[in-house]
Amino acid sequence: MVSSVTNRLIPAEILTSSHYIFGQIKVSQSGLLGMLTDINNSFLEINDTSIAPIHKPSSVMNYTPQLYLVRSEVAAVCLSKRDYMGLQGVMKAGYQRLFPYLVQISTRTYDISGMIEWSGRFEFSALLTEGTSNFFIVNDATLTAPRYPELKISSPIIILNRSFLESLILNKKSPTIPV
């Protein structure tokens, strides 16, 4: 007997380069991070969706019960709970100790400040190329859009598309790693 795949809906704020989208993302047991890293699928299904331009996120221009969004166009996903990421987001990197690094990140449209957990000394080149996923996690983050002052999101978790990344600054309060 084949068991059906359990789907659940998680609330999320999704940002593309031109739109602010709020809705319920349909995810399987692998959670949102699993959906974003799935090589067999290139879109997200979002239910009960409100769509607004990023320059006026409070002015909803469209509402739809179902939206399909191309995953490569997603710049950032803001979540209200860490659990929504799925097991891959909750599990730590095996036996490696993770160190918090305070960062400031810039994309063409958004600035994000928060904390990245990294094992050992932070390597920017590894952040850009490590693994098969285009997405990485920024904890306790704040996202702003310098050109659009009305847009400001504070979130415990922001999942950022590294293909949108332009620059990253490590803040001085990041830990010193013994060699």
Protein backbone atom coordinates (compact mmCIF):
# COMPACT_ATOMS: atom_id res chain seq x y z
CA MET A 1 0.00 0.00 0.00
CA VAL A 2 1.32 3.43 -0.95
CA SER A 3 0.95 6.15 1.67
CA SER A 4 -0.05 9.60 0.53
CA VAL A 5 2.43 12.41 0.94
CA THR A 6 1.32 14.72 3.73
CA ASN A 7 1.20 18.36 2.72
CA ARG A 8 0.85 21.23 5.13
CA LEU A 9 0.57 24.97 4.72
CA ILE A 10 3.03 27.34 6.37
CA PRO A 11 2.65 31.13 6.49
CA ALA A 12 5.45 33.03 4.77
CA GLU A 13 6.37 36.43 3.41
CA ILE A 14 8.05 36.01 0.03
CA LEU A 15 10.03 38.70 -1.74
CA THR A 16 10.94 38.79 -5.41
CA SER A 17 12.79 41.67 -7.05
CA SER A 18 9.48 43.46 -7.66
CA HIS A 19 6.78 41.98 -5.40
CA TYR A 20 5.91 41.37 -1.77
CA ILE A 21 3.86 38.17 -1.48
CA PHE A 22 2.16 36.91 1.66
CA GLY A 23 0.54 33.50 1.70
CA GLN A 24 0.53 29.89 2.80
CA ILE A 25 3.25 27.83 1.09
CA LYS A 26 2.30 24.23 0.45
CA VAL A 27 5.16 22.04 1.71
CA SER A 28 5.67 18.31 2.08
CA GLN A 29 7.31 16.50 5.00
CA SER A 30 10.69 17.92 4.00
CA GLY A 31 9.55 21.42 5.02
CA LEU A 32 10.23 24.66 3.20
CA LEU A 33 13.99 24.22 3.01
CA GLY A 34 13.41 20.83 1.43
CA MET A 35 11.09 22.41 -1.14
CA LEU A 36 13.59 25.15 -1.95
CA THR A 37 16.42 22.64 -2.43
CA ASP A 38 14.40 20.03 -4.36
CA ILE A 39 16.16 19.51 -7.71
CA ASN A 40 13.07 17.85 -9.19
CA ASN A 41 10.83 20.88 -8.80
CA SER A 42 11.29 24.49 -9.91
CA PHE A 43 8.24 26.22 -8.45
CA LEU A 44 6.42 26.92 -5.21
CA GLU A 45 2.67 26.58 -4.74
CA ILE A 46 1.27 29.34 -2.55
CA ASN A 47 -2.33 29.43 -1.28
CA ASP A 48 -4.43 32.37 -0.04
CA THR A 49 -1.96 34.78 -1.57
CA SER A 50 -1.85 38.56 -1.34
CA ILE A 51 0.43 40.25 -3.86
CA ALA A 52 1.72 43.82 -3.49
CA PRO A 53 4.45 45.84 -5.18
CA ILE A 54 7.57 46.18 -3.03
CA HIS A 55 7.35 49.97 -3.07
CA LYS A 56 3.91 49.74 -1.35
CA PRO A 57 3.72 46.43 0.54
CA SER A 58 0.55 47.53 2.35
CA SER A 59 -1.31 48.12 -0.96
CA VAL A 60 -2.48 44.70 -2.09
CA MET A 61 -2.88 44.76 -5.87
CA ASN A 62 -4.18 41.21 -6.21
CA TYR A 63 -5.47 38.34 -4.13
CA THR A 64 -5.61 34.80 -5.42
CA PRO A 65 -6.51 31.49 -3.80
CA GLN A 66 -3.57 29.82 -5.60
CA LEU A 67 -0.30 31.16 -7.01
CA TYR A 68 2.56 29.31 -8.68
CA LEU A 69 5.91 31.07 -8.26
CA VAL A 70 9.14 30.22 -10.09
CA ARG A 71 11.64 29.31 -7.37
CA SER A 72 14.64 31.00 -9.02
CA GLU A 73 12.81 34.35 -8.84
CA VAL A 74 12.46 34.16 -5.04
CA ALA A 75 14.93 36.58 -3.43
CA ALA A 76 13.98 35.88 0.21
CA VAL A 77 11.44 33.99 2.31
CA CYS A 78 10.65 35.29 5.80
CA LEU A 79 9.30 32.81 8.36
CA SER A 80 7.83 33.40 11.80
CA LYS A 81 9.09 30.05 13.22
CA ARG A 82 12.27 28.03 12.75
CA ASP A 83 10.17 24.82 12.68
CA TYR A 84 8.66 25.85 9.35
CA MET A 85 11.99 25.21 7.60
CA GLY A 86 11.69 21.45 8.13
CA LEU A 87 14.18 18.96 9.50
CA GLN A 88 17.07 20.25 7.38
CA GLY A 89 16.73 23.68 8.97
CA VAL A 90 16.43 22.41 12.52
CA MET A 91 19.25 19.84 12.37
CA LYS A 92 22.75 21.10 13.01
CA ALA A 93 25.85 20.19 11.00
CA GLY A 94 26.53 16.77 12.52
CA TYR A 95 29.31 16.85 15.12
CA GLN A 96 30.62 20.22 14.04
CA ARG A 97 30.22 23.17 16.35
CA LEU A 98 28.41 26.07 14.75
CA PHE A 99 29.54 29.64 15.46
CA PRO A 100 27.30 32.69 15.07
CA TYR A 101 28.48 35.38 12.66
CA LEU A 102 26.73 38.74 12.61
CA VAL A 103 26.38 39.88 9.00
CA GLN A 104 25.05 42.66 6.82
CA ILE A 105 24.01 41.45 3.38
CA SER A 106 23.13 43.49 0.31
CA THR A 107 21.24 42.45 -2.80
CA ARG A 108 20.16 44.70 -5.68
CA THR A 109 16.94 45.49 -3.85
CA TYR A 110 17.26 44.47 -0.20
CA ASP A 111 19.56 44.88 2.79
CA ILE A 112 19.49 42.12 5.41
CA SER A 113 21.16 42.19 8.80
CA GLY A 114 21.22 39.13 11.01
CA MET A 115 23.25 36.12 12.07
CA ILE A 116 24.62 33.21 10.04
CA GLU A 117 25.66 29.99 11.79
CA TRP A 118 28.86 28.56 10.32
CA SER A 119 31.17 25.73 11.39
CA GLY A 120 34.70 27.02 11.98
CA ARG A 121 36.13 30.10 10.36
CA PHE A 122 33.69 31.87 8.02
CA GLU A 123 34.50 31.38 4.34
CA PHE A 124 32.61 33.61 1.91
CA SER A 125 33.61 31.50 -1.10
CA ALA A 126 32.11 28.41 0.56
CA LEU A 127 28.85 30.29 1.21
CA LEU A 128 28.59 31.02 -2.52
CA THR A 129 29.46 27.53 -3.76
CA GLU A 130 28.87 24.96 -0.99
CA GLY A 131 26.15 22.37 -1.59
CA THR A 132 23.49 22.18 -4.25
CA SER A 133 21.04 24.66 -2.77
CA ASN A 134 20.85 28.29 -3.82
CA PHE A 135 19.37 29.20 -0.45
CA PHE A 136 20.97 29.86 2.94
CA ILE A 137 19.56 30.83 6.33
CA VAL A 138 19.90 34.15 8.16
CA ASN A 139 18.70 34.03 11.78
CA ASP A 140 17.18 36.87 13.82
CA ALA A 141 17.14 39.02 10.72
CA THR A 142 15.80 42.36 9.58
CA LEU A 143 15.16 43.01 5.90
CA THR A 144 14.81 46.51 4.49
CA ALA A 145 14.70 48.01 1.00
CA PRO A 146 16.70 51.28 0.89
CA ARG A 147 14.72 52.57 -2.10
CA TYR A 148 11.39 51.62 -0.51
CA PRO A 149 11.37 52.79 3.14
CA GLU A 150 7.86 51.40 3.75
CA LEU A 151 9.23 47.85 3.50
CA LYS A 152 10.77 46.55 6.73
CA ILE A 153 10.48 42.95 7.93
CA SER A 154 11.91 41.57 11.16
CA SER A 155 11.86 37.80 11.28
CA PRO A 156 13.46 34.98 13.30
CA ILE A 157 14.32 33.27 10.00
CA ILE A 158 15.01 34.63 6.52
CA ILE A 159 15.92 32.15 3.83
CA LEU A 160 17.95 34.05 1.23
CA ASN A 161 18.66 33.12 -2.38
CA ARG A 162 22.44 33.34 -2.77
CA SER A 163 22.16 34.09 -6.50
CA PHE A 164 20.75 37.52 -5.47
CA LEU A 165 23.69 38.22 -3.12
CA GLU A 166 25.86 41.25 -3.96
CA SER A 167 27.90 41.84 -0.82
CA LEU A 168 28.35 40.56 2.72
CA ILE A 169 29.95 42.33 5.67
CA LEU A 170 31.03 40.45 8.79
CA ASN A 171 30.39 42.60 11.84
CA LYS A 172 33.22 42.94 14.35
CA LYS A 173 31.28 41.26 17.17
CA SER A 174 31.53 37.88 15.41
CA PRO A 175 33.43 35.25 17.41
CA THR A 176 37.14 34.60 17.23
CA ILE A 177 37.75 30.98 16.28
CA PRO A 178 40.74 29.27 17.90
CA VAL A 179 43.14 27.79 15.36
